Amino acid sequence: MKEPDLESLEVISPLGSRLIKNKMSIVEFSRVTELNWDCLSGPEGHIENPDWLKIEDRIKALNALEHSCVFISANNGTSLTIGGNPKQGFIVFFSQDDKHSYVMAPVGSRAGTQNLVIGFQPGDYSCRILVSLATAIQVARTYFFKAERDECFEWTYDDQSIDIE
């Protein structure tokens, strides 16, 4: 019987993606094929086959002044868009077959509207679809590995309704 090669070992991550573990590092196998972002002070950014840290860094750089939107595309034709800033919140939406679904804010945070700059365009957005940076990052991480919506969160196709207290 042949001994297993412990120098290189394939494992499955908790989110279902394949990882190759070796002496030096763990290489992540993502379904994400492209990362794009806007930039007011220079050219828009683009990375083919980005790793998770590049995506996370781009999301954390969103500030509405210089960077206001990140676009992530996967090999199954879906995309995830994140726009906003840490102070006012983030809109996170998943696109598939020309339909958009939005991550919903926690129940106690859904009332009213918030003026927010996304894609360098100011607008009033329903607070029911504004989420925290931590939520935006968690949804993006699930998308990075699965190219699907994170079902730990509530989603809606309605981005127009405004909840009243």
N, C-alpha and C. Protein backbone atom coordinates (compact mmCIF):
# COMPACT_ATOMS: atom_id res chain seq x y z
N MET A 1 0.85 -1.18 0.00
CA MET A 1 0.00 0.00 0.00
C MET A 1 0.89 1.24 0.00
N LYS A 2 0.56 2.18 -0.87
CA LYS A 2 1.35 3.40 -1.01
C LYS A 2 1.03 4.38 0.11
N GLU A 3 2.06 4.99 0.68
CA GLU A 3 1.88 6.00 1.72
C GLU A 3 1.33 7.29 1.10
N PRO A 4 0.46 8.01 1.79
CA PRO A 4 -0.03 9.27 1.24
C PRO A 4 1.09 10.30 1.18
N ASP A 5 1.02 11.16 0.18
CA ASP A 5 1.99 12.23 0.03
C ASP A 5 1.58 13.38 0.94
N LEU A 6 2.29 13.57 2.03
CA LEU A 6 1.95 14.62 2.98
C LEU A 6 2.53 15.97 2.58
N GLU A 7 3.36 15.97 1.54
CA GLU A 7 3.91 17.23 1.05
C GLU A 7 2.83 18.04 0.34
N SER A 8 1.91 17.37 -0.31
CA SER A 8 0.84 18.04 -1.04
C SER A 8 -0.44 17.26 -0.78
N LEU A 9 -1.43 17.93 -0.24
CA LEU A 9 -2.65 17.27 0.17
C LEU A 9 -3.85 18.10 -0.27
N GLU A 10 -4.80 17.46 -0.92
CA GLU A 10 -6.02 18.15 -1.34
C GLU A 10 -7.06 17.98 -0.24
N VAL A 11 -7.67 19.09 0.13
CA VAL A 11 -8.73 19.06 1.14
C VAL A 11 -9.90 19.91 0.63
N ILE A 12 -11.03 19.78 1.27
CA ILE A 12 -12.20 20.57 0.93
C ILE A 12 -12.42 21.58 2.05
N SER A 13 -12.57 22.85 1.68
CA SER A 13 -12.77 23.90 2.68
C SER A 13 -14.18 23.79 3.25
N PRO A 14 -14.44 24.47 4.39
CA PRO A 14 -15.79 24.46 4.95
C PRO A 14 -16.84 25.03 4.00
N LEU A 15 -16.43 25.88 3.07
CA LEU A 15 -17.38 26.46 2.12
C LEU A 15 -17.47 25.66 0.84
N GLY A 16 -16.80 24.50 0.78
CA GLY A 16 -16.96 23.61 -0.36
C GLY A 16 -15.96 23.77 -1.48
N SER A 17 -15.01 24.67 -1.36
CA SER A 17 -14.03 24.81 -2.44
C SER A 17 -12.84 23.90 -2.19
N ARG A 18 -12.12 23.63 -3.25
CA ARG A 18 -10.97 22.75 -3.16
C ARG A 18 -9.75 23.56 -2.74
N LEU A 19 -8.99 23.05 -1.81
CA LEU A 19 -7.76 23.68 -1.37
C LEU A 19 -6.62 22.69 -1.56
N ILE A 20 -5.47 23.18 -1.96
CA ILE A 20 -4.28 22.35 -2.03
C ILE A 20 -3.36 22.83 -0.92
N LYS A 21 -3.06 21.96 0.00
CA LYS A 21 -2.21 22.31 1.12
C LYS A 21 -0.83 21.72 0.87
N ASN A 22 0.18 22.54 0.98
CA ASN A 22 1.54 22.03 0.89
C ASN A 22 2.38 22.68 1.98
N LYS A 23 3.68 22.39 1.97
CA LYS A 23 4.55 22.90 3.03
C LYS A 23 4.52 24.42 3.14
N MET A 24 4.42 25.10 2.02
CA MET A 24 4.58 26.54 2.00
C MET A 24 3.28 27.31 2.24
N SER A 25 2.17 26.83 1.70
CA SER A 25 0.96 27.64 1.78
C SER A 25 -0.28 26.80 1.47
N ILE A 26 -1.40 27.45 1.59
CA ILE A 26 -2.66 26.87 1.12
C ILE A 26 -3.10 27.71 -0.06
N VAL A 27 -3.35 27.06 -1.18
CA VAL A 27 -3.79 27.74 -2.39
C VAL A 27 -5.30 27.59 -2.48
N GLU A 28 -6.01 28.70 -2.59
CA GLU A 28 -7.46 28.66 -2.66
C GLU A 28 -7.91 28.51 -4.11
N PHE A 29 -8.89 27.68 -4.34
CA PHE A 29 -9.48 27.53 -5.66
C PHE A 29 -10.85 28.20 -5.63
N SER A 30 -10.91 29.31 -6.29
CA SER A 30 -12.11 30.13 -6.28
C SER A 30 -12.90 29.94 -7.56
N ARG A 31 -14.15 30.36 -7.51
CA ARG A 31 -14.98 30.39 -8.71
C ARG A 31 -14.97 31.79 -9.32
N VAL A 32 -14.33 32.74 -8.64
CA VAL A 32 -14.28 34.12 -9.11
C VAL A 32 -13.25 34.26 -10.23
N THR A 33 -13.66 34.91 -11.31
CA THR A 33 -12.78 35.07 -12.46
C THR A 33 -12.30 36.50 -12.65
N GLU A 34 -12.99 37.46 -12.04
CA GLU A 34 -12.67 38.85 -12.33
C GLU A 34 -13.08 39.76 -11.17
N LEU A 35 -12.24 40.76 -10.91
CA LEU A 35 -12.51 41.79 -9.91
C LEU A 35 -12.31 43.14 -10.59
N ASN A 36 -13.31 44.00 -10.51
CA ASN A 36 -13.22 45.36 -11.06
C ASN A 36 -13.64 46.35 -9.98
N TRP A 37 -13.09 47.57 -10.03
CA TRP A 37 -13.49 48.60 -9.10
C TRP A 37 -13.34 49.97 -9.75
N ASP A 38 -14.11 50.92 -9.23
CA ASP A 38 -14.03 52.28 -9.75
C ASP A 38 -12.98 53.06 -8.98
N CYS A 39 -12.49 54.13 -9.58
CA CYS A 39 -11.48 54.98 -8.95
C CYS A 39 -11.62 56.38 -9.51
N LEU A 40 -11.91 57.35 -8.67
CA LEU A 40 -12.10 58.72 -9.11
C LEU A 40 -10.78 59.39 -9.46
N SER A 41 -9.70 59.04 -8.77
CA SER A 41 -8.42 59.74 -8.96
C SER A 41 -7.50 59.07 -9.98
N GLY A 42 -7.95 58.03 -10.62
CA GLY A 42 -7.10 57.34 -11.59
C GLY A 42 -7.90 56.34 -12.38
N PRO A 43 -7.21 55.45 -13.08
CA PRO A 43 -7.93 54.46 -13.89
C PRO A 43 -8.69 53.46 -13.01
N GLU A 44 -9.76 52.94 -13.57
CA GLU A 44 -10.50 51.89 -12.87
C GLU A 44 -9.60 50.66 -12.77
N GLY A 45 -9.82 49.86 -11.74
CA GLY A 45 -8.98 48.69 -11.53
C GLY A 45 -9.60 47.42 -12.06
N HIS A 46 -8.73 46.48 -12.39
CA HIS A 46 -9.17 45.20 -12.94
C HIS A 46 -8.12 44.13 -12.61
N ILE A 47 -8.58 43.00 -12.08
CA ILE A 47 -7.70 41.86 -11.81
C ILE A 47 -8.40 40.60 -12.29
N GLU A 48 -7.70 39.81 -13.08
CA GLU A 48 -8.20 38.49 -13.50
C GLU A 48 -7.85 37.47 -12.42
N ASN A 49 -8.75 36.57 -12.11
CA ASN A 49 -8.55 35.50 -11.13
C ASN A 49 -7.95 36.00 -9.82
N PRO A 50 -8.61 36.95 -9.17
CA PRO A 50 -8.07 37.51 -7.93
C PRO A 50 -8.11 36.51 -6.78
N ASP A 51 -7.19 36.67 -5.84
CA ASP A 51 -7.27 35.87 -4.62
C ASP A 51 -8.18 36.60 -3.62
N TRP A 52 -8.52 35.90 -2.53
CA TRP A 52 -9.45 36.47 -1.58
C TRP A 52 -8.93 37.76 -0.96
N LEU A 53 -7.65 37.84 -0.63
CA LEU A 53 -7.12 39.03 0.02
C LEU A 53 -7.25 40.28 -0.86
N LYS A 54 -7.09 40.13 -2.16
CA LYS A 54 -7.26 41.28 -3.07
C LYS A 54 -8.71 41.76 -3.06
N ILE A 55 -9.63 40.82 -3.06
CA ILE A 55 -11.05 41.19 -3.02
C ILE A 55 -11.38 41.88 -1.69
N GLU A 56 -10.95 41.29 -0.60
CA GLU A 56 -11.22 41.88 0.71
C GLU A 56 -10.61 43.28 0.82
N ASP A 57 -9.39 43.47 0.34
CA ASP A 57 -8.75 44.78 0.37
C ASP A 57 -9.55 45.81 -0.42
N ARG A 58 -10.07 45.42 -1.58
CA ARG A 58 -10.85 46.34 -2.41
C ARG A 58 -12.14 46.73 -1.70
N ILE A 59 -12.78 45.78 -1.04
CA ILE A 59 -14.02 46.09 -0.30
C ILE A 59 -13.71 47.04 0.85
N LYS A 60 -12.64 46.78 1.58
CA LYS A 60 -12.26 47.64 2.70
C LYS A 60 -11.84 49.04 2.25
N ALA A 61 -11.43 49.19 0.99
CA ALA A 61 -11.00 50.49 0.46
C ALA A 61 -12.19 51.37 0.04
N LEU A 62 -13.39 50.81 0.00
CA LEU A 62 -14.56 51.60 -0.39
C LEU A 62 -14.77 52.74 0.61
N ASN A 63 -14.81 53.97 0.08
CA ASN A 63 -14.91 55.13 0.96
C ASN A 63 -15.79 56.25 0.40
N ALA A 64 -16.36 56.06 -0.78
CA ALA A 64 -17.23 57.02 -1.47
C ALA A 64 -16.49 58.22 -2.02
N LEU A 65 -15.29 58.52 -1.56
CA LEU A 65 -14.54 59.66 -2.06
C LEU A 65 -13.70 59.29 -3.28
N GLU A 66 -12.96 58.20 -3.17
CA GLU A 66 -12.11 57.76 -4.27
C GLU A 66 -12.59 56.44 -4.88
N HIS A 67 -13.07 55.55 -4.03
CA HIS A 67 -13.56 54.23 -4.47
C HIS A 67 -14.97 54.05 -3.91
N SER A 68 -15.94 53.75 -4.78
CA SER A 68 -17.30 53.62 -4.27
C SER A 68 -17.99 52.32 -4.66
N CYS A 69 -17.34 51.50 -5.52
CA CYS A 69 -18.01 50.29 -5.98
C CYS A 69 -17.00 49.21 -6.37
N VAL A 70 -17.33 47.97 -6.04
CA VAL A 70 -16.53 46.79 -6.40
C VAL A 70 -17.45 45.83 -7.14
N PHE A 71 -16.94 45.25 -8.22
CA PHE A 71 -17.70 44.30 -9.03
C PHE A 71 -16.93 42.99 -9.09
N ILE A 72 -17.56 41.89 -8.70
CA ILE A 72 -16.91 40.58 -8.69
C ILE A 72 -17.70 39.66 -9.61
N SER A 73 -17.01 39.01 -10.54
CA SER A 73 -17.67 38.11 -11.50
C SER A 73 -17.16 36.69 -11.32
N ALA A 74 -18.04 35.71 -11.57
CA ALA A 74 -17.68 34.31 -11.40
C ALA A 74 -17.83 33.54 -12.70
N ASN A 75 -17.29 32.32 -12.68
CA ASN A 75 -17.28 31.47 -13.88
C ASN A 75 -18.66 30.92 -14.25
N ASN A 76 -19.67 31.13 -13.43
CA ASN A 76 -21.02 30.65 -13.75
C ASN A 76 -21.92 31.76 -14.31
N GLY A 77 -21.34 32.92 -14.62
CA GLY A 77 -22.10 34.02 -15.19
C GLY A 77 -22.76 34.94 -14.19
N THR A 78 -22.61 34.68 -12.91
CA THR A 78 -23.18 35.54 -11.88
C THR A 78 -22.19 36.65 -11.52
N SER A 79 -22.69 37.65 -10.80
CA SER A 79 -21.80 38.69 -10.30
C SER A 79 -22.31 39.19 -8.95
N LEU A 80 -21.38 39.77 -8.20
CA LEU A 80 -21.70 40.38 -6.91
C LEU A 80 -21.16 41.80 -6.95
N THR A 81 -22.01 42.76 -6.61
CA THR A 81 -21.62 44.16 -6.60
C THR A 81 -21.75 44.69 -5.18
N ILE A 82 -20.74 45.43 -4.74
CA ILE A 82 -20.75 46.04 -3.41
C ILE A 82 -20.42 47.51 -3.58
N GLY A 83 -21.27 48.37 -3.03
CA GLY A 83 -21.03 49.80 -3.11
C GLY A 83 -21.39 50.47 -1.80
N GLY A 84 -20.71 51.57 -1.51
CA GLY A 84 -21.00 52.31 -0.30
C GLY A 84 -19.76 52.67 0.47
N ASN A 85 -19.93 52.84 1.78
CA ASN A 85 -18.80 53.19 2.64
C ASN A 85 -19.12 52.77 4.07
N PRO A 86 -18.09 52.67 4.92
CA PRO A 86 -18.31 52.17 6.28
C PRO A 86 -19.24 53.05 7.13
N LYS A 87 -19.24 54.35 6.90
CA LYS A 87 -20.05 55.24 7.73
C LYS A 87 -21.54 55.12 7.44
N GLN A 88 -21.91 55.08 6.18
CA GLN A 88 -23.33 55.09 5.80
C GLN A 88 -23.88 53.72 5.43
N GLY A 89 -23.01 52.77 5.20
CA GLY A 89 -23.45 51.42 4.88
C GLY A 89 -23.13 51.00 3.46
N PHE A 90 -23.39 49.75 3.18
CA PHE A 90 -23.07 49.15 1.89
C PHE A 90 -24.31 48.49 1.29
N ILE A 91 -24.44 48.62 -0.01
CA ILE A 91 -25.43 47.85 -0.75
C ILE A 91 -24.69 46.68 -1.36
N VAL A 92 -25.21 45.49 -1.15
CA VAL A 92 -24.60 44.27 -1.70
C VAL A 92 -25.67 43.58 -2.52
N PHE A 93 -25.41 43.41 -3.83
CA PHE A 93 -26.41 42.70 -4.62
C PHE A 93 -25.78 41.67 -5.54
N PHE A 94 -26.53 40.59 -5.68
CA PHE A 94 -26.16 39.42 -6.46
C PHE A 94 -26.94 39.48 -7.77
N SER A 95 -26.26 39.30 -8.88
CA SER A 95 -26.92 39.36 -10.20
C SER A 95 -26.81 38.03 -10.91
N GLN A 96 -27.95 37.57 -11.41
CA GLN A 96 -28.00 36.33 -12.18
C GLN A 96 -29.16 36.44 -13.17
N ASP A 97 -28.89 36.18 -14.43
CA ASP A 97 -29.93 36.22 -15.47
C ASP A 97 -30.69 37.55 -15.46
N ASP A 98 -29.99 38.65 -15.38
CA ASP A 98 -30.57 40.00 -15.40
C ASP A 98 -31.51 40.28 -14.23
N LYS A 99 -31.41 39.54 -13.15
CA LYS A 99 -32.17 39.79 -11.93
C LYS A 99 -31.19 40.11 -10.82
N HIS A 100 -31.58 41.07 -9.97
CA HIS A 100 -30.72 41.48 -8.86
C HIS A 100 -31.42 41.20 -7.54
N SER A 101 -30.70 40.58 -6.61
CA SER A 101 -31.23 40.40 -5.27
C SER A 101 -30.27 41.06 -4.29
N TYR A 102 -30.84 41.71 -3.29
CA TYR A 102 -30.10 42.54 -2.36
C TYR A 102 -30.08 41.90 -0.98
N VAL A 103 -28.93 42.00 -0.29
CA VAL A 103 -28.86 41.56 1.09
C VAL A 103 -29.65 42.56 1.92
N MET A 104 -30.49 42.05 2.80
CA MET A 104 -31.30 42.92 3.65
C MET A 104 -30.59 43.23 4.96
N ALA A 105 -30.81 44.44 5.44
CA ALA A 105 -30.28 44.87 6.72
C ALA A 105 -30.95 44.08 7.84
N PRO A 106 -30.34 44.04 9.02
CA PRO A 106 -31.00 43.40 10.16
C PRO A 106 -32.36 44.07 10.43
N VAL A 107 -33.28 43.33 10.97
CA VAL A 107 -34.66 43.79 11.15
C VAL A 107 -34.75 45.16 11.84
N GLY A 108 -33.99 45.41 12.87
CA GLY A 108 -34.07 46.68 13.60
C GLY A 108 -33.43 47.86 12.90
N SER A 109 -32.84 47.67 11.74
CA SER A 109 -32.11 48.74 11.04
C SER A 109 -32.69 49.08 9.68
N ARG A 110 -33.92 48.72 9.42
CA ARG A 110 -34.48 48.83 8.07
C ARG A 110 -35.28 50.10 7.80
N ALA A 111 -35.58 50.89 8.80
CA ALA A 111 -36.46 52.05 8.60
C ALA A 111 -35.72 53.22 7.97
N GLY A 112 -36.40 53.90 7.04
CA GLY A 112 -35.89 55.14 6.48
C GLY A 112 -35.03 54.98 5.25
N THR A 113 -34.38 56.11 4.90
CA THR A 113 -33.48 56.13 3.75
C THR A 113 -32.15 56.75 4.17
N GLN A 114 -31.16 56.56 3.34
CA GLN A 114 -29.82 57.10 3.58
C GLN A 114 -29.29 57.62 2.26
N ASN A 115 -28.74 58.85 2.26
CA ASN A 115 -28.09 59.36 1.07
C ASN A 115 -26.72 58.73 0.99
N LEU A 116 -26.41 58.15 -0.14
CA LEU A 116 -25.19 57.37 -0.30
C LEU A 116 -24.64 57.57 -1.70
N VAL A 117 -23.33 57.56 -1.83
CA VAL A 117 -22.69 57.68 -3.14
C VAL A 117 -22.22 56.29 -3.58
N ILE A 118 -22.74 55.83 -4.71
CA ILE A 118 -22.34 54.55 -5.29
C ILE A 118 -22.07 54.79 -6.77
N GLY A 119 -20.92 54.36 -7.23
CA GLY A 119 -20.56 54.62 -8.62
C GLY A 119 -20.42 56.11 -8.87
N PHE A 120 -20.04 56.85 -7.83
CA PHE A 120 -19.87 58.30 -7.85
C PHE A 120 -21.17 59.04 -8.17
N GLN A 121 -22.29 58.37 -7.96
CA GLN A 121 -23.61 58.97 -8.15
C GLN A 121 -24.33 58.99 -6.81
N PRO A 122 -24.61 60.19 -6.26
CA PRO A 122 -25.35 60.24 -5.00
C PRO A 122 -26.81 59.85 -5.22
N GLY A 123 -27.37 59.22 -4.21
CA GLY A 123 -28.77 58.83 -4.29
C GLY A 123 -29.30 58.46 -2.92
N ASP A 124 -30.60 58.45 -2.79
CA ASP A 124 -31.24 58.02 -1.55
C ASP A 124 -31.57 56.54 -1.68
N TYR A 125 -31.08 55.76 -0.74
CA TYR A 125 -31.28 54.32 -0.76
C TYR A 125 -32.04 53.89 0.48
N SER A 126 -32.89 52.91 0.32
CA SER A 126 -33.66 52.36 1.43
C SER A 126 -32.70 51.71 2.43
N CYS A 127 -32.88 52.04 3.71
CA CYS A 127 -32.03 51.44 4.75
C CYS A 127 -32.24 49.93 4.86
N ARG A 128 -33.33 49.43 4.32
CA ARG A 128 -33.59 47.98 4.40
C ARG A 128 -32.57 47.18 3.60
N ILE A 129 -31.81 47.85 2.68
CA ILE A 129 -30.79 47.14 1.91
C ILE A 129 -29.39 47.70 2.15
N LEU A 130 -29.20 48.39 3.29
CA LEU A 130 -27.87 48.87 3.67
C LEU A 130 -27.33 48.00 4.79
N VAL A 131 -26.14 47.45 4.58
CA VAL A 131 -25.55 46.52 5.54
C VAL A 131 -24.18 47.00 5.99
N SER A 132 -23.64 46.35 6.99
CA SER A 132 -22.33 46.70 7.54
C SER A 132 -21.19 46.18 6.67
N LEU A 133 -19.99 46.68 6.93
CA LEU A 133 -18.80 46.19 6.25
C LEU A 133 -18.60 44.71 6.53
N ALA A 134 -18.80 44.28 7.77
CA ALA A 134 -18.63 42.86 8.11
C ALA A 134 -19.57 41.97 7.29
N THR A 135 -20.81 42.41 7.13
CA THR A 135 -21.76 41.64 6.32
C THR A 135 -21.32 41.61 4.86
N ALA A 136 -20.91 42.75 4.32
CA ALA A 136 -20.46 42.80 2.93
C ALA A 136 -19.29 41.85 2.70
N ILE A 137 -18.36 41.82 3.64
CA ILE A 137 -17.19 40.94 3.51
C ILE A 137 -17.60 39.47 3.61
N GLN A 138 -18.49 39.15 4.54
CA GLN A 138 -18.92 37.75 4.68
C GLN A 138 -19.63 37.26 3.42
N VAL A 139 -20.51 38.09 2.87
CA VAL A 139 -21.24 37.71 1.65
C VAL A 139 -20.25 37.54 0.49
N ALA A 140 -19.27 38.44 0.40
CA ALA A 140 -18.26 38.35 -0.67
C ALA A 140 -17.40 37.10 -0.52
N ARG A 141 -17.08 36.73 0.70
CA ARG A 141 -16.25 35.53 0.92
C ARG A 141 -17.01 34.27 0.48
N THR A 142 -18.27 34.17 0.83
CA THR A 142 -19.08 33.04 0.36
C THR A 142 -19.14 33.03 -1.16
N TYR A 143 -19.35 34.19 -1.75
CA TYR A 143 -19.40 34.29 -3.22
C TYR A 143 -18.06 33.88 -3.83
N PHE A 144 -16.96 34.26 -3.21
CA PHE A 144 -15.63 33.91 -3.71
C PHE A 144 -15.49 32.40 -3.87
N PHE A 145 -15.96 31.65 -2.90
CA PHE A 145 -15.80 30.20 -2.94
C PHE A 145 -16.91 29.47 -3.70
N LYS A 146 -18.13 29.98 -3.63
CA LYS A 146 -19.26 29.23 -4.19
C LYS A 146 -19.91 29.85 -5.41
N ALA A 147 -19.67 31.15 -5.64
CA ALA A 147 -20.34 31.89 -6.72
C ALA A 147 -21.86 31.83 -6.55
N GLU A 148 -22.30 31.90 -5.30
CA GLU A 148 -23.71 31.87 -4.96
C GLU A 148 -24.00 32.90 -3.88
N ARG A 149 -25.29 33.16 -3.65
CA ARG A 149 -25.69 34.02 -2.54
C ARG A 149 -25.37 33.32 -1.22
N ASP A 150 -25.06 34.10 -0.21
CA ASP A 150 -24.87 33.57 1.14
C ASP A 150 -26.24 33.45 1.78
N GLU A 151 -26.72 32.24 1.94
CA GLU A 151 -28.07 32.01 2.45
C GLU A 151 -28.17 32.20 3.96
N CYS A 152 -27.09 32.61 4.62
CA CYS A 152 -27.16 32.98 6.03
C CYS A 152 -27.88 34.31 6.22
N PHE A 153 -28.05 35.04 5.11
CA PHE A 153 -28.68 36.35 5.15
C PHE A 153 -30.01 36.33 4.42
N GLU A 154 -30.86 37.29 4.77
CA GLU A 154 -32.14 37.46 4.08
C GLU A 154 -31.90 38.32 2.84
N TRP A 155 -32.51 37.95 1.72
CA TRP A 155 -32.35 38.65 0.45
C TRP A 155 -33.70 39.13 -0.05
N THR A 156 -33.69 40.19 -0.87
CA THR A 156 -34.91 40.71 -1.48
C THR A 156 -34.62 41.16 -2.91
N TYR A 157 -35.64 41.10 -3.75
CA TYR A 157 -35.54 41.66 -5.11
C TYR A 157 -36.02 43.11 -5.12
N ASP A 158 -36.61 43.56 -4.03
CA ASP A 158 -37.20 44.89 -3.92
C ASP A 158 -36.18 45.87 -3.33
N ASP A 159 -35.67 46.76 -4.17
CA ASP A 159 -34.72 47.76 -3.68
C ASP A 159 -35.38 49.13 -3.50
N GLN A 160 -36.67 49.24 -3.71
CA GLN A 160 -37.37 50.53 -3.68
C GLN A 160 -38.17 50.78 -2.41
N SER A 161 -38.72 49.75 -1.80
CA SER A 161 -39.58 49.94 -0.63
C SER A 161 -38.81 50.57 0.51
N ILE A 162 -39.51 51.41 1.26
CA ILE A 162 -38.91 52.08 2.41
C ILE A 162 -39.71 51.67 3.64
N ASP A 163 -39.05 51.08 4.60
CA ASP A 163 -39.72 50.69 5.84
C ASP A 163 -39.90 51.93 6.72
N ILE A 164 -41.03 51.99 7.40
CA ILE A 164 -41.32 53.08 8.33
C ILE A 164 -41.31 52.49 9.72
N GLU A 165 -40.78 53.26 10.66
CA GLU A 165 -40.67 52.75 12.04
C GLU A 165 -41.98 52.38 12.62
